[in-house]
Amino acid sequence: MLDFEEELRKFHPSIEVEDAEEAIFSQDLTDIADALIQVLEKSKKSGE
């Protein structure tokens, strides 16, 4: 039977995962909420 506590102690994330995480979080990506805000701001400016 597996000892999950022992397996968790032995676990170390791979270097590739850590590198990918750093690359993803270091980018300033626009999400859908940001895009909607930009569209609304542009429409308000053009409607003035």
PDB file of N, CA and C in Angstrom:
ATOM      1  N   MET A   1       0.843  -1.176   0.000  1.00  0.00           N
ATOM      2  CA  MET A   1       0.000   0.000   0.000  1.00  0.00           C
ATOM      3  C   MET A   1       0.895   1.249   0.000  1.00  0.00           C
ATOM      4  N   LEU A   2       0.437   2.300  -0.659  1.00  0.00           N
ATOM      5  CA  LEU A   2       1.216   3.527  -0.743  1.00  0.00           C
ATOM      6  C   LEU A   2       1.093   4.346   0.530  1.00  0.00           C
ATOM      7  N   ASP A   3       2.218   4.893   0.947  1.00  0.00           N
ATOM      8  CA  ASP A   3       2.229   5.832   2.065  1.00  0.00           C
ATOM      9  C   ASP A   3       2.275   7.242   1.455  1.00  0.00           C
ATOM     10  N   PHE A   4       1.114   7.879   1.381  1.00  0.00           N
ATOM     11  CA  PHE A   4       1.015   9.164   0.704  1.00  0.00           C
ATOM     12  C   PHE A   4       1.881  10.236   1.363  1.00  0.00           C
ATOM     13  N   GLU A   5       1.986  10.223   2.663  1.00  0.00           N
ATOM     14  CA  GLU A   5       2.826  11.207   3.347  1.00  0.00           C
ATOM     15  C   GLU A   5       4.284  11.048   2.922  1.00  0.00           C
ATOM     16  N   GLU A   6       4.748   9.822   2.821  1.00  0.00           N
ATOM     17  CA  GLU A   6       6.122   9.558   2.387  1.00  0.00           C
ATOM     18  C   GLU A   6       6.324  10.010   0.943  1.00  0.00           C
ATOM     19  N   GLU A   7       5.365   9.727   0.090  1.00  0.00           N
ATOM     20  CA  GLU A   7       5.464  10.123  -1.317  1.00  0.00           C
ATOM     21  C   GLU A   7       5.474  11.653  -1.455  1.00  0.00           C
ATOM     22  N   LEU A   8       4.685  12.339  -0.652  1.00  0.00           N
ATOM     23  CA  LEU A   8       4.675  13.801  -0.694  1.00  0.00           C
ATOM     24  C   LEU A   8       6.007  14.385  -0.236  1.00  0.00           C
ATOM     25  N   ARG A   9       6.641  13.767   0.732  1.00  0.00           N
ATOM     26  CA  ARG A   9       7.955  14.243   1.190  1.00  0.00           C
ATOM     27  C   ARG A   9       9.002  14.092   0.107  1.00  0.00           C
ATOM     28  N   LYS A  10       8.865  13.065  -0.733  1.00  0.00           N
ATOM     29  CA  LYS A  10       9.838  12.813  -1.793  1.00  0.00           C
ATOM     30  C   LYS A  10       9.582  13.672  -3.037  1.00  0.00           C
ATOM     31  N   PHE A  11       8.424  14.285  -3.122  1.00  0.00           N
ATOM     32  CA  PHE A  11       8.045  15.031  -4.319  1.00  0.00           C
ATOM     33  C   PHE A  11       8.817  16.342  -4.442  1.00  0.00           C
ATOM     34  N   HIS A  12       9.337  16.592  -5.635  1.00  0.00           N
ATOM     35  CA  HIS A  12       9.974  17.863  -5.981  1.00  0.00           C
ATOM     36  C   HIS A  12       9.510  18.210  -7.391  1.00  0.00           C
ATOM     37  N   PRO A  13       8.961  19.416  -7.594  1.00  0.00           N
ATOM     38  CA  PRO A  13       8.504  19.780  -8.940  1.00  0.00           C
ATOM     39  C   PRO A  13       9.672  19.824  -9.913  1.00  0.00           C
ATOM     40  N   SER A  14       9.385  19.493 -11.145  1.00  0.00           N
ATOM     41  CA  SER A  14      10.440  19.501 -12.149  1.00  0.00           C
ATOM     42  C   SER A  14      10.853  20.932 -12.462  1.00  0.00           C
ATOM     43  N   ILE A  15      12.039  21.101 -12.948  1.00  0.00           N
ATOM     44  CA  ILE A  15      12.569  22.420 -13.283  1.00  0.00           C
ATOM     45  C   ILE A  15      11.750  23.053 -14.395  1.00  0.00           C
ATOM     46  N   GLU A  16      11.288  22.258 -15.350  1.00  0.00           N
ATOM     47  CA  GLU A  16      10.526  22.796 -16.459  1.00  0.00           C
ATOM     48  C   GLU A  16       9.234  23.453 -15.977  1.00  0.00           C
ATOM     49  N   VAL A  17       8.590  22.854 -14.990  1.00  0.00           N
ATOM     50  CA  VAL A  17       7.355  23.425 -14.462  1.00  0.00           C
ATOM     51  C   VAL A  17       7.646  24.758 -13.796  1.00  0.00           C
ATOM     52  N   GLU A  18       8.697  24.830 -13.020  1.00  0.00           N
ATOM     53  CA  GLU A  18       9.050  26.083 -12.354  1.00  0.00           C
ATOM     54  C   GLU A  18       9.402  27.165 -13.371  1.00  0.00           C
ATOM     55  N   ASP A  19      10.121  26.797 -14.425  1.00  0.00           N
ATOM     56  CA  ASP A  19      10.466  27.766 -15.472  1.00  0.00           C
ATOM     57  C   ASP A  19       9.223  28.246 -16.196  1.00  0.00           C
ATOM     58  N   ALA A  20       8.317  27.347 -16.485  1.00  0.00           N
ATOM     59  CA  ALA A  20       7.082  27.725 -17.172  1.00  0.00           C
ATOM     60  C   ALA A  20       6.255  28.647 -16.287  1.00  0.00           C
ATOM     61  N   GLU A  21       6.178  28.330 -15.008  1.00  0.00           N
ATOM     62  CA  GLU A  21       5.418  29.164 -14.078  1.00  0.00           C
ATOM     63  C   GLU A  21       5.984  30.576 -14.040  1.00  0.00           C
ATOM     64  N   GLU A  22       7.283  30.695 -13.983  1.00  0.00           N
ATOM     65  CA  GLU A  22       7.926  32.014 -13.942  1.00  0.00           C
ATOM     66  C   GLU A  22       7.653  32.785 -15.227  1.00  0.00           C
ATOM     67  N   ALA A  23       7.727  32.102 -16.362  1.00  0.00           N
ATOM     68  CA  ALA A  23       7.487  32.764 -17.640  1.00  0.00           C
ATOM     69  C   ALA A  23       6.037  33.237 -17.757  1.00  0.00           C
ATOM     70  N   ILE A  24       5.121  32.434 -17.271  1.00  0.00           N
ATOM     71  CA  ILE A  24       3.701  32.787 -17.358  1.00  0.00           C
ATOM     72  C   ILE A  24       3.385  33.978 -16.460  1.00  0.00           C
ATOM     73  N   PHE A  25       3.849  33.934 -15.221  1.00  0.00           N
ATOM     74  CA  PHE A  25       3.514  34.991 -14.280  1.00  0.00           C
ATOM     75  C   PHE A  25       4.289  36.275 -14.522  1.00  0.00           C
ATOM     76  N   SER A  26       5.393  36.221 -15.245  1.00  0.00           N
ATOM     77  CA  SER A  26       6.167  37.429 -15.497  1.00  0.00           C
ATOM     78  C   SER A  26       5.573  38.265 -16.635  1.00  0.00           C
ATOM     79  N   GLN A  27       4.674  37.675 -17.425  1.00  0.00           N
ATOM     80  CA  GLN A  27       4.052  38.411 -18.523  1.00  0.00           C
ATOM     81  C   GLN A  27       2.799  39.124 -18.028  1.00  0.00           C
ATOM     82  N   ASP A  28       2.594  40.306 -18.551  1.00  0.00           N
ATOM     83  CA  ASP A  28       1.393  41.058 -18.207  1.00  0.00           C
ATOM     84  C   ASP A  28       0.357  40.792 -19.296  1.00  0.00           C
ATOM     85  N   LEU A  29      -0.444  39.766 -19.084  1.00  0.00           N
ATOM     86  CA  LEU A  29      -1.416  39.364 -20.086  1.00  0.00           C
ATOM     87  C   LEU A  29      -2.757  40.039 -19.830  1.00  0.00           C
ATOM     88  N   THR A  30      -3.417  40.402 -20.911  1.00  0.00           N
ATOM     89  CA  THR A  30      -4.741  41.000 -20.811  1.00  0.00           C
ATOM     90  C   THR A  30      -5.769  39.885 -20.728  1.00  0.00           C
ATOM     91  N   ASP A  31      -6.614  39.945 -19.719  1.00  0.00           N
ATOM     92  CA  ASP A  31      -7.676  38.954 -19.636  1.00  0.00           C
ATOM     93  C   ASP A  31      -8.962  39.552 -20.197  1.00  0.00           C
ATOM     94  N   ILE A  32     -10.028  38.773 -20.209  1.00  0.00           N
ATOM     95  CA  ILE A  32     -11.273  39.214 -20.831  1.00  0.00           C
ATOM     96  C   ILE A  32     -11.854  40.435 -20.123  1.00  0.00           C
ATOM     97  N   ALA A  33     -11.688  40.533 -18.815  1.00  0.00           N
ATOM     98  CA  ALA A  33     -12.195  41.704 -18.090  1.00  0.00           C
ATOM     99  C   ALA A  33     -11.456  42.963 -18.531  1.00  0.00           C
ATOM    100  N   ASP A  34     -10.133  42.879 -18.678  1.00  0.00           N
ATOM    101  CA  ASP A  34      -9.358  44.028 -19.154  1.00  0.00           C
ATOM    102  C   ASP A  34      -9.791  44.436 -20.560  1.00  0.00           C
ATOM    103  N   ALA A  35     -10.029  43.447 -21.409  1.00  0.00           N
ATOM    104  CA  ALA A  35     -10.445  43.728 -22.780  1.00  0.00           C
ATOM    105  C   ALA A  35     -11.805  44.425 -22.796  1.00  0.00           C
ATOM    106  N   LEU A  36     -12.729  43.966 -21.975  1.00  0.00           N
ATOM    107  CA  LEU A  36     -14.056  44.595 -21.918  1.00  0.00           C
ATOM    108  C   LEU A  36     -13.967  46.027 -21.405  1.00  0.00           C
ATOM    109  N   ILE A  37     -13.139  46.267 -20.419  1.00  0.00           N
ATOM    110  CA  ILE A  37     -12.957  47.626 -19.898  1.00  0.00           C
ATOM    111  C   ILE A  37     -12.407  48.547 -20.981  1.00  0.00           C
ATOM    112  N   GLN A  38     -11.447  48.065 -21.743  1.00  0.00           N
ATOM    113  CA  GLN A  38     -10.880  48.871 -22.824  1.00  0.00           C
ATOM    114  C   GLN A  38     -11.926  49.197 -23.879  1.00  0.00           C
ATOM    115  N   VAL A  39     -12.749  48.211 -24.223  1.00  0.00           N
ATOM    116  CA  VAL A  39     -13.794  48.434 -25.224  1.00  0.00           C
ATOM    117  C   VAL A  39     -14.799  49.458 -24.715  1.00  0.00           C
ATOM    118  N   LEU A  40     -15.202  49.349 -23.448  1.00  0.00           N
ATOM    119  CA  LEU A  40     -16.152  50.298 -22.876  1.00  0.00           C
ATOM    120  C   LEU A  40     -15.579  51.713 -22.827  1.00  0.00           C
ATOM    121  N   GLU A  41     -14.304  51.823 -22.463  1.00  0.00           N
ATOM    122  CA  GLU A  41     -13.668  53.146 -22.408  1.00  0.00           C
ATOM    123  C   GLU A  41     -13.600  53.769 -23.804  1.00  0.00           C
ATOM    124  N   LYS A  42     -13.274  52.965 -24.799  1.00  0.00           N
ATOM    125  CA  LYS A  42     -13.210  53.484 -26.173  1.00  0.00           C
ATOM    126  C   LYS A  42     -14.581  53.913 -26.659  1.00  0.00           C
ATOM    127  N   SER A  43     -15.606  53.136 -26.318  1.00  0.00           N
ATOM    128  CA  SER A  43     -16.947  53.485 -26.768  1.00  0.00           C
ATOM    129  C   SER A  43     -17.446  54.747 -26.078  1.00  0.00           C
ATOM    130  N   LYS A  44     -17.061  54.958 -24.813  1.00  0.00           N
ATOM    131  CA  LYS A  44     -17.441  56.186 -24.113  1.00  0.00           C
ATOM    132  C   LYS A  44     -16.768  57.395 -24.739  1.00  0.00           C
ATOM    133  N   LYS A  45     -15.490  57.256 -25.103  1.00  0.00           N
ATOM    134  CA  LYS A  45     -14.754  58.369 -25.702  1.00  0.00           C
ATOM    135  C   LYS A  45     -15.311  58.715 -27.079  1.00  0.00           C
ATOM    136  N   SER A  46     -15.682  57.705 -27.844  1.00  0.00           N
ATOM    137  CA  SER A  46     -16.190  57.971 -29.196  1.00  0.00           C
ATOM    138  C   SER A  46     -17.624  58.499 -29.157  1.00  0.00           C
ATOM    139  N   GLY A  47     -18.335  58.267 -28.054  1.00  0.00           N
ATOM    140  CA  GLY A  47     -19.706  58.734 -27.916  1.00  0.00           C
ATOM    141  C   GLY A  47     -19.820  60.137 -27.376  1.00  0.00           C
ATOM    142  N   GLU A  48     -18.732  60.735 -26.972  1.00  0.00           N
ATOM    143  CA  GLU A  48     -18.767  62.089 -26.374  1.00  0.00           C
ATOM    144  C   GLU A  48     -18.938  63.161 -27.412  1.00  0.00           C
TER     145      GLU A  48
END
